Amino acid sequence: MKPISVLKSSIFCTFFAFFLAGNTTGLIAQEWSSDDVADFVIYVERTETQIVMECARGCLWSRVSFPAYKYKPIAINQWGMKEWDDDAEEQGFTVEKPEGKIEADKILIEKIEEVEEFLFKLTPKPMGISLEGEKGTQWTGTEFSLGLHDRWKIDNRGVGLQ
């Protein structure tokens, strides 16, 4: 009788393992396919005096920069950047527009409709950068070193060296 109960236990454990694996995979896939994830690509680089960010996709700005040695948190979203403090005024960023006001407004309106919302906190550190995902990202936080003229890619999935 023991061999039969061992066999039954093995079969039960195998089916239970498949059940758990199937449900866990479904939950992970469901979380990652969420509509709350934005499609954006931003490149960040440190120069001698500035941290420069260029948006390649998913933003209404093309380039932002701020002092490399100002260690205050900065909010980055599809509209640009500002200090994390809610009362701070937005800092300079540019939106490239074509010549002519009517054509520029028409293109900007089309672009606004295509852009999805995202928000993350970027904090410069003496030897790198700290990121905290707040909205539209699959990541919650990371830190990485940012040496002089290093170029990193930030997107909705995380960070990678370019």
N, C-alpha and C. Protein backbone atom coordinates (compact mmCIF):
# COMPACT_ATOMS: atom_id res chain seq x y z
N MET A 1 0.80 -1.20 0.00
CA MET A 1 0.00 0.00 0.00
C MET A 1 0.84 1.26 0.00
N LYS A 2 1.99 1.24 0.55
CA LYS A 2 2.82 2.43 0.58
C LYS A 2 3.19 2.91 -0.81
N PRO A 3 3.57 2.04 -1.75
CA PRO A 3 3.93 2.55 -3.08
C PRO A 3 2.78 3.30 -3.75
N ILE A 4 1.54 2.89 -3.54
CA ILE A 4 0.41 3.57 -4.16
C ILE A 4 0.22 4.96 -3.54
N SER A 5 0.30 5.10 -2.23
CA SER A 5 0.12 6.40 -1.62
C SER A 5 1.27 7.34 -1.96
N VAL A 6 2.49 6.82 -2.13
CA VAL A 6 3.61 7.67 -2.57
C VAL A 6 3.35 8.15 -4.00
N LEU A 7 2.84 7.26 -4.84
CA LEU A 7 2.52 7.63 -6.22
C LEU A 7 1.42 8.68 -6.25
N LYS A 8 0.38 8.50 -5.45
CA LYS A 8 -0.70 9.49 -5.38
C LYS A 8 -0.17 10.84 -4.90
N SER A 9 0.69 10.82 -3.88
CA SER A 9 1.27 12.06 -3.37
C SER A 9 2.12 12.74 -4.42
N SER A 10 2.89 11.98 -5.18
CA SER A 10 3.73 12.55 -6.23
C SER A 10 2.88 13.19 -7.32
N ILE A 11 1.81 12.50 -7.71
CA ILE A 11 0.92 13.05 -8.75
C ILE A 11 0.25 14.32 -8.25
N PHE A 12 -0.24 14.29 -7.01
CA PHE A 12 -0.88 15.48 -6.43
C PHE A 12 0.10 16.65 -6.37
N CYS A 13 1.32 16.40 -5.90
CA CYS A 13 2.34 17.47 -5.81
C CYS A 13 2.68 18.03 -7.18
N THR A 14 2.77 17.17 -8.18
CA THR A 14 3.08 17.62 -9.54
C THR A 14 1.97 18.53 -10.06
N PHE A 15 0.70 18.08 -9.93
CA PHE A 15 -0.41 18.91 -10.40
C PHE A 15 -0.50 20.22 -9.63
N PHE A 16 -0.27 20.16 -8.33
CA PHE A 16 -0.30 21.37 -7.51
C PHE A 16 0.79 22.35 -7.94
N ALA A 17 1.98 21.86 -8.24
CA ALA A 17 3.09 22.71 -8.71
C ALA A 17 2.73 23.37 -10.03
N PHE A 18 2.14 22.58 -10.97
CA PHE A 18 1.73 23.17 -12.25
C PHE A 18 0.65 24.23 -12.06
N PHE A 19 -0.29 23.96 -11.14
CA PHE A 19 -1.34 24.92 -10.86
C PHE A 19 -0.77 26.24 -10.35
N LEU A 20 0.15 26.17 -9.38
CA LEU A 20 0.77 27.38 -8.84
C LEU A 20 1.58 28.11 -9.90
N ALA A 21 2.37 27.38 -10.67
CA ALA A 21 3.19 28.01 -11.71
C ALA A 21 2.31 28.70 -12.74
N GLY A 22 1.22 28.06 -13.13
CA GLY A 22 0.32 28.65 -14.12
C GLY A 22 -0.34 29.91 -13.62
N ASN A 23 -0.79 29.90 -12.38
CA ASN A 23 -1.44 31.09 -11.82
C ASN A 23 -0.44 32.21 -11.58
N THR A 24 0.76 31.90 -11.13
CA THR A 24 1.78 32.93 -10.91
C THR A 24 2.16 33.58 -12.21
N THR A 25 2.37 32.79 -13.26
CA THR A 25 2.72 33.34 -14.57
C THR A 25 1.62 34.24 -15.08
N GLY A 26 0.36 33.85 -14.89
CA GLY A 26 -0.75 34.68 -15.32
C GLY A 26 -0.79 36.01 -14.60
N LEU A 27 -0.49 36.01 -13.30
CA LEU A 27 -0.49 37.26 -12.54
C LEU A 27 0.64 38.17 -12.99
N ILE A 28 1.82 37.62 -13.23
CA ILE A 28 2.94 38.44 -13.68
C ILE A 28 2.64 39.02 -15.05
N ALA A 29 2.16 38.20 -15.96
CA ALA A 29 1.85 38.69 -17.30
C ALA A 29 0.76 39.75 -17.26
N GLN A 30 -0.23 39.55 -16.40
CA GLN A 30 -1.30 40.51 -16.28
C GLN A 30 -0.78 41.85 -15.75
N GLU A 31 0.13 41.80 -14.79
CA GLU A 31 0.68 43.03 -14.23
C GLU A 31 1.49 43.78 -15.28
N TRP A 32 2.28 43.08 -16.07
CA TRP A 32 3.15 43.73 -17.05
C TRP A 32 2.41 44.21 -18.28
N SER A 33 1.25 43.66 -18.57
CA SER A 33 0.50 44.11 -19.74
C SER A 33 -0.51 45.19 -19.37
N SER A 34 -0.37 45.75 -18.21
CA SER A 34 -1.30 46.76 -17.72
C SER A 34 -1.33 47.98 -18.64
N ASP A 35 -2.49 48.58 -18.75
CA ASP A 35 -2.63 49.80 -19.56
C ASP A 35 -1.98 51.00 -18.90
N ASP A 36 -1.57 50.86 -17.65
CA ASP A 36 -0.98 51.98 -16.91
C ASP A 36 0.49 52.21 -17.25
N VAL A 37 1.08 51.36 -18.09
CA VAL A 37 2.49 51.49 -18.45
C VAL A 37 2.60 52.37 -19.70
N ALA A 38 3.39 53.42 -19.60
CA ALA A 38 3.57 54.37 -20.71
C ALA A 38 4.71 53.90 -21.61
N ASP A 39 4.69 54.35 -22.85
CA ASP A 39 5.74 54.03 -23.81
C ASP A 39 6.63 55.26 -23.96
N PHE A 40 7.81 55.24 -23.30
CA PHE A 40 8.73 56.36 -23.40
C PHE A 40 10.17 55.86 -23.40
N VAL A 41 11.05 56.66 -24.00
CA VAL A 41 12.49 56.38 -24.00
C VAL A 41 13.21 57.70 -23.76
N ILE A 42 14.03 57.73 -22.71
CA ILE A 42 14.77 58.94 -22.34
C ILE A 42 16.24 58.55 -22.18
N TYR A 43 17.13 59.36 -22.72
CA TYR A 43 18.57 59.15 -22.55
C TYR A 43 19.10 60.19 -21.57
N VAL A 44 19.94 59.76 -20.64
CA VAL A 44 20.50 60.67 -19.65
C VAL A 44 22.02 60.59 -19.71
N GLU A 45 22.68 61.75 -19.62
CA GLU A 45 24.13 61.84 -19.71
C GLU A 45 24.63 62.93 -18.76
N ARG A 46 25.82 62.73 -18.18
CA ARG A 46 26.43 63.73 -17.31
C ARG A 46 27.56 64.41 -18.08
N THR A 47 27.53 65.74 -18.08
CA THR A 47 28.65 66.52 -18.61
C THR A 47 29.43 67.07 -17.42
N GLU A 48 30.38 67.94 -17.67
CA GLU A 48 31.16 68.51 -16.57
C GLU A 48 30.31 69.25 -15.55
N THR A 49 29.25 69.93 -16.01
CA THR A 49 28.45 70.76 -15.12
C THR A 49 26.97 70.42 -15.09
N GLN A 50 26.49 69.64 -16.04
CA GLN A 50 25.06 69.41 -16.20
C GLN A 50 24.73 67.92 -16.27
N ILE A 51 23.48 67.61 -15.94
CA ILE A 51 22.89 66.33 -16.31
C ILE A 51 21.90 66.66 -17.41
N VAL A 52 22.09 66.03 -18.56
CA VAL A 52 21.30 66.33 -19.74
C VAL A 52 20.43 65.12 -20.06
N MET A 53 19.14 65.37 -20.27
CA MET A 53 18.22 64.30 -20.65
C MET A 53 17.61 64.64 -22.00
N GLU A 54 17.56 63.64 -22.88
CA GLU A 54 16.95 63.79 -24.19
C GLU A 54 15.84 62.75 -24.32
N CYS A 55 14.68 63.19 -24.73
CA CYS A 55 13.56 62.26 -24.90
C CYS A 55 13.51 61.82 -26.35
N ALA A 56 13.59 60.52 -26.57
CA ALA A 56 13.52 59.96 -27.91
C ALA A 56 12.10 59.55 -28.28
N ARG A 57 11.25 59.24 -27.26
CA ARG A 57 9.89 58.80 -27.54
C ARG A 57 9.02 59.00 -26.31
N GLY A 58 7.79 59.46 -26.53
CA GLY A 58 6.80 59.51 -25.47
C GLY A 58 6.73 60.78 -24.65
N CYS A 59 7.41 61.85 -25.10
CA CYS A 59 7.42 63.10 -24.34
C CYS A 59 7.02 64.27 -25.24
N LEU A 60 6.62 65.36 -24.60
CA LEU A 60 6.35 66.60 -25.32
C LEU A 60 7.54 67.54 -25.23
N TRP A 61 8.65 67.07 -24.73
CA TRP A 61 9.88 67.86 -24.64
C TRP A 61 10.98 67.08 -25.36
N SER A 62 11.98 67.80 -25.80
CA SER A 62 13.07 67.13 -26.50
C SER A 62 14.32 67.02 -25.65
N ARG A 63 14.60 68.03 -24.83
CA ARG A 63 15.84 68.04 -24.05
C ARG A 63 15.65 68.87 -22.79
N VAL A 64 16.12 68.35 -21.66
CA VAL A 64 16.13 69.10 -20.41
C VAL A 64 17.52 68.95 -19.80
N SER A 65 17.91 69.94 -19.03
CA SER A 65 19.19 69.85 -18.32
C SER A 65 19.08 70.57 -16.99
N PHE A 66 19.90 70.16 -16.05
CA PHE A 66 19.93 70.78 -14.74
C PHE A 66 21.32 70.58 -14.16
N PRO A 67 21.70 71.37 -13.16
CA PRO A 67 23.04 71.27 -12.60
C PRO A 67 23.33 69.86 -12.06
N ALA A 68 24.49 69.34 -12.40
CA ALA A 68 24.86 67.98 -11.99
C ALA A 68 25.09 67.87 -10.49
N TYR A 69 25.37 68.97 -9.84
CA TYR A 69 25.70 68.93 -8.42
C TYR A 69 24.62 69.54 -7.55
N LYS A 70 23.40 69.57 -8.05
CA LYS A 70 22.23 70.00 -7.27
C LYS A 70 21.49 68.71 -6.89
N TYR A 71 21.66 68.28 -5.66
CA TYR A 71 21.19 66.97 -5.25
C TYR A 71 19.75 66.98 -4.74
N LYS A 72 18.89 67.73 -5.40
CA LYS A 72 17.48 67.77 -5.03
C LYS A 72 16.69 66.86 -5.98
N PRO A 73 15.66 66.19 -5.46
CA PRO A 73 14.82 65.35 -6.32
C PRO A 73 14.10 66.17 -7.39
N ILE A 74 14.01 65.59 -8.58
CA ILE A 74 13.36 66.26 -9.71
C ILE A 74 12.30 65.32 -10.26
N ALA A 75 11.13 65.86 -10.55
CA ALA A 75 10.04 65.09 -11.16
C ALA A 75 10.19 65.15 -12.67
N ILE A 76 10.17 63.99 -13.31
CA ILE A 76 10.24 63.91 -14.77
C ILE A 76 8.95 63.27 -15.24
N ASN A 77 8.27 63.93 -16.18
CA ASN A 77 7.07 63.35 -16.77
C ASN A 77 7.01 63.69 -18.25
N GLN A 78 5.89 63.40 -18.88
CA GLN A 78 5.76 63.62 -20.32
C GLN A 78 5.79 65.11 -20.69
N TRP A 79 5.55 65.98 -19.74
CA TRP A 79 5.54 67.43 -19.99
C TRP A 79 6.90 68.08 -19.78
N GLY A 80 7.78 67.45 -19.01
CA GLY A 80 9.08 68.05 -18.74
C GLY A 80 9.56 67.69 -17.36
N MET A 81 10.09 68.68 -16.64
CA MET A 81 10.59 68.43 -15.30
C MET A 81 10.30 69.60 -14.39
N LYS A 82 10.31 69.31 -13.10
CA LYS A 82 10.22 70.35 -12.08
C LYS A 82 10.79 69.76 -10.80
N GLU A 83 11.10 70.61 -9.86
CA GLU A 83 11.57 70.10 -8.58
C GLU A 83 10.45 69.28 -7.95
N TRP A 84 10.82 68.26 -7.20
CA TRP A 84 9.81 67.36 -6.64
C TRP A 84 8.85 68.08 -5.72
N ASP A 85 9.28 69.15 -5.09
CA ASP A 85 8.44 69.96 -4.23
C ASP A 85 7.27 70.50 -5.06
N ASP A 86 6.05 70.25 -4.65
CA ASP A 86 4.87 70.64 -5.42
C ASP A 86 4.78 72.13 -5.68
N ASP A 87 5.33 72.96 -4.80
CA ASP A 87 5.21 74.40 -4.96
C ASP A 87 6.27 75.00 -5.88
N ALA A 88 7.26 74.22 -6.26
CA ALA A 88 8.34 74.75 -7.10
C ALA A 88 7.83 75.01 -8.51
N GLU A 89 8.37 76.04 -9.15
CA GLU A 89 7.98 76.34 -10.52
C GLU A 89 8.71 75.40 -11.47
N GLU A 90 8.08 75.14 -12.62
CA GLU A 90 8.72 74.27 -13.60
C GLU A 90 10.00 74.92 -14.09
N GLN A 91 11.01 74.07 -14.27
CA GLN A 91 12.29 74.56 -14.77
C GLN A 91 12.28 74.45 -16.29
N GLY A 92 13.31 75.02 -16.93
CA GLY A 92 13.34 75.11 -18.38
C GLY A 92 13.41 73.78 -19.09
N PHE A 93 12.57 73.60 -20.06
CA PHE A 93 12.66 72.50 -20.99
C PHE A 93 12.14 72.98 -22.33
N THR A 94 12.49 72.30 -23.39
CA THR A 94 12.11 72.76 -24.72
C THR A 94 11.23 71.74 -25.40
N VAL A 95 10.32 72.22 -26.20
CA VAL A 95 9.50 71.40 -27.08
C VAL A 95 9.81 71.87 -28.48
N GLU A 96 10.37 70.98 -29.28
CA GLU A 96 10.69 71.39 -30.65
C GLU A 96 9.40 71.55 -31.44
N LYS A 97 9.25 72.70 -32.07
CA LYS A 97 8.07 72.97 -32.89
C LYS A 97 8.53 73.32 -34.30
N PRO A 98 7.79 72.91 -35.31
CA PRO A 98 8.12 73.31 -36.67
C PRO A 98 7.79 74.78 -36.90
N GLU A 99 8.25 75.31 -38.02
CA GLU A 99 7.97 76.70 -38.36
C GLU A 99 6.47 76.90 -38.57
N GLY A 100 5.98 78.06 -38.22
CA GLY A 100 4.58 78.41 -38.45
C GLY A 100 3.70 78.02 -37.28
N LYS A 101 2.97 78.98 -36.75
CA LYS A 101 2.17 78.77 -35.55
C LYS A 101 1.04 77.78 -35.76
N ILE A 102 0.28 77.87 -36.81
CA ILE A 102 -0.87 76.99 -37.01
C ILE A 102 -0.41 75.54 -37.18
N GLU A 103 0.60 75.34 -38.01
CA GLU A 103 1.11 73.98 -38.23
C GLU A 103 1.71 73.41 -36.94
N ALA A 104 2.43 74.24 -36.20
CA ALA A 104 3.04 73.81 -34.94
C ALA A 104 1.97 73.40 -33.94
N ASP A 105 0.92 74.19 -33.81
CA ASP A 105 -0.16 73.86 -32.88
C ASP A 105 -0.86 72.56 -33.27
N LYS A 106 -1.07 72.36 -34.57
CA LYS A 106 -1.73 71.15 -35.05
C LYS A 106 -0.89 69.91 -34.71
N ILE A 107 0.41 69.98 -34.94
CA ILE A 107 1.30 68.86 -34.64
C ILE A 107 1.38 68.62 -33.14
N LEU A 108 1.43 69.69 -32.35
CA LEU A 108 1.49 69.54 -30.90
C LEU A 108 0.22 68.89 -30.36
N ILE A 109 -0.94 69.26 -30.87
CA ILE A 109 -2.20 68.65 -30.45
C ILE A 109 -2.21 67.17 -30.78
N GLU A 110 -1.73 66.79 -31.97
CA GLU A 110 -1.66 65.38 -32.35
C GLU A 110 -0.70 64.63 -31.42
N LYS A 111 0.42 65.26 -31.10
CA LYS A 111 1.41 64.62 -30.24
C LYS A 111 0.87 64.43 -28.82
N ILE A 112 0.13 65.40 -28.31
CA ILE A 112 -0.46 65.30 -26.96
C ILE A 112 -1.38 64.09 -26.88
N GLU A 113 -2.15 63.83 -27.94
CA GLU A 113 -3.06 62.70 -27.95
C GLU A 113 -2.32 61.37 -27.93
N GLU A 114 -1.08 61.32 -28.48
CA GLU A 114 -0.32 60.09 -28.55
C GLU A 114 0.45 59.80 -27.26
N VAL A 115 0.76 60.82 -26.48
CA VAL A 115 1.63 60.67 -25.32
C VAL A 115 0.86 60.09 -24.14
N GLU A 116 1.45 59.09 -23.50
CA GLU A 116 0.86 58.47 -22.31
C GLU A 116 1.50 59.07 -21.07
N GLU A 117 0.79 59.03 -19.96
CA GLU A 117 1.29 59.64 -18.73
C GLU A 117 2.32 58.76 -18.04
N PHE A 118 3.40 59.40 -17.62
CA PHE A 118 4.37 58.73 -16.76
C PHE A 118 4.94 59.77 -15.80
N LEU A 119 5.48 59.29 -14.70
CA LEU A 119 6.09 60.17 -13.71
C LEU A 119 7.11 59.36 -12.93
N PHE A 120 8.32 59.90 -12.83
CA PHE A 120 9.30 59.29 -11.95
C PHE A 120 10.14 60.38 -11.30
N LYS A 121 10.68 60.02 -10.14
CA LYS A 121 11.52 60.94 -9.39
C LYS A 121 12.98 60.61 -9.68
N LEU A 122 13.75 61.61 -10.09
CA LEU A 122 15.17 61.47 -10.35
C LEU A 122 15.91 62.29 -9.30
N THR A 123 16.84 61.65 -8.59
CA THR A 123 17.63 62.35 -7.59
C THR A 123 19.11 62.20 -7.93
N PRO A 124 19.78 63.30 -8.31
CA PRO A 124 21.22 63.21 -8.56
C PRO A 124 21.97 62.87 -7.27
N LYS A 125 22.96 62.03 -7.38
CA LYS A 125 23.82 61.65 -6.26
C LYS A 125 25.25 62.01 -6.64
N PRO A 126 26.16 62.07 -5.67
CA PRO A 126 27.54 62.42 -6.01
C PRO A 126 28.17 61.54 -7.10
N MET A 127 27.83 60.26 -7.12
CA MET A 127 28.43 59.35 -8.11
C MET A 127 27.41 58.72 -9.03
N GLY A 128 26.18 59.20 -9.04
CA GLY A 128 25.18 58.56 -9.88
C GLY A 128 23.82 59.20 -9.78
N ILE A 129 22.80 58.37 -9.99
CA ILE A 129 21.41 58.83 -10.01
C ILE A 129 20.54 57.78 -9.34
N SER A 130 19.54 58.25 -8.63
CA SER A 130 18.52 57.39 -8.03
C SER A 130 17.20 57.68 -8.74
N LEU A 131 16.45 56.63 -9.09
CA LEU A 131 15.15 56.78 -9.74
C LEU A 131 14.08 56.08 -8.91
N GLU A 132 12.91 56.70 -8.83
CA GLU A 132 11.75 56.08 -8.21
C GLU A 132 10.57 56.21 -9.16
N GLY A 133 10.04 55.08 -9.62
CA GLY A 133 8.89 55.09 -10.51
C GLY A 133 7.62 55.40 -9.75
N GLU A 134 6.87 56.35 -10.23
CA GLU A 134 5.61 56.73 -9.58
C GLU A 134 4.39 56.36 -10.42
N LYS A 135 4.50 56.50 -11.75
CA LYS A 135 3.36 56.26 -12.62
C LYS A 135 3.87 55.91 -14.02
N GLY A 136 3.25 54.92 -14.66
CA GLY A 136 3.56 54.58 -16.04
C GLY A 136 4.83 53.77 -16.24
N THR A 137 5.38 53.20 -15.16
CA THR A 137 6.59 52.38 -15.27
C THR A 137 6.33 51.00 -14.70
N GLN A 138 7.14 50.02 -15.12
CA GLN A 138 7.07 48.68 -14.56
C GLN A 138 8.03 48.54 -13.39
N TRP A 139 8.81 49.57 -13.11
CA TRP A 139 9.80 49.52 -12.04
C TRP A 139 9.41 50.48 -10.94
N THR A 140 9.89 50.17 -9.73
CA THR A 140 9.59 51.04 -8.59
C THR A 140 10.78 51.90 -8.21
N GLY A 141 12.00 51.41 -8.42
CA GLY A 141 13.16 52.22 -8.07
C GLY A 141 14.46 51.54 -8.44
N THR A 142 15.48 52.35 -8.65
CA THR A 142 16.81 51.84 -8.95
C THR A 142 17.84 52.94 -8.74
N GLU A 143 19.08 52.57 -8.60
CA GLU A 143 20.20 53.51 -8.55
C GLU A 143 21.25 53.01 -9.52
N PHE A 144 21.96 53.95 -10.15
CA PHE A 144 23.05 53.57 -11.04
C PHE A 144 24.10 54.66 -11.05
N SER A 145 25.33 54.27 -11.37
CA SER A 145 26.41 55.26 -11.44
C SER A 145 26.31 56.00 -12.76
N LEU A 146 26.67 57.26 -12.74
CA LEU A 146 26.62 58.08 -13.95
C LEU A 146 27.92 58.87 -14.01
N GLY A 147 28.91 58.26 -14.67
CA GLY A 147 30.19 58.91 -14.82
C GLY A 147 30.15 59.97 -15.90
N LEU A 148 31.21 60.72 -16.01
CA LEU A 148 31.31 61.78 -17.01
C LEU A 148 31.13 61.19 -18.41
N HIS A 149 30.16 61.69 -19.14
CA HIS A 149 29.81 61.31 -20.51
C HIS A 149 29.28 59.89 -20.64
N ASP A 150 28.91 59.24 -19.53
CA ASP A 150 28.16 57.99 -19.63
C ASP A 150 26.79 58.32 -20.17
N ARG A 151 26.21 57.41 -20.93
CA ARG A 151 24.87 57.62 -21.50
C ARG A 151 24.02 56.41 -21.14
N TRP A 152 22.93 56.67 -20.43
CA TRP A 152 22.02 55.62 -20.00
C TRP A 152 20.65 55.82 -20.66
N LYS A 153 19.97 54.73 -20.89
CA LYS A 153 18.61 54.75 -21.44
C LYS A 153 17.63 54.41 -20.32
N ILE A 154 16.62 55.26 -20.15
CA ILE A 154 15.55 55.03 -19.19
C ILE A 154 14.27 54.82 -19.98
N ASP A 155 13.56 53.74 -19.71
CA ASP A 155 12.25 53.54 -20.34
C ASP A 155 11.30 52.92 -19.34
N ASN A 156 10.14 52.51 -19.80
CA ASN A 156 9.12 51.99 -18.88
C ASN A 156 9.52 50.67 -18.24
N ARG A 157 10.52 49.98 -18.80
CA ARG A 157 10.97 48.70 -18.24
C ARG A 157 12.13 48.84 -17.28
N GLY A 158 12.86 49.96 -17.34
CA GLY A 158 14.00 50.14 -16.44
C GLY A 158 15.10 50.99 -17.04
N VAL A 159 16.35 50.65 -16.70
CA VAL A 159 17.51 51.45 -17.08
C VAL A 159 18.55 50.53 -17.70
N GLY A 160 19.25 51.04 -18.73
CA GLY A 160 20.33 50.28 -19.35
C GLY A 160 21.41 51.22 -19.88
N LEU A 161 22.64 50.76 -19.83
CA LEU A 161 23.77 51.55 -20.32
C LEU A 161 23.77 51.55 -21.84
N GLN A 162 23.97 52.72 -22.44
CA GLN A 162 23.99 52.83 -23.91
C GLN A 162 25.39 52.79 -24.42
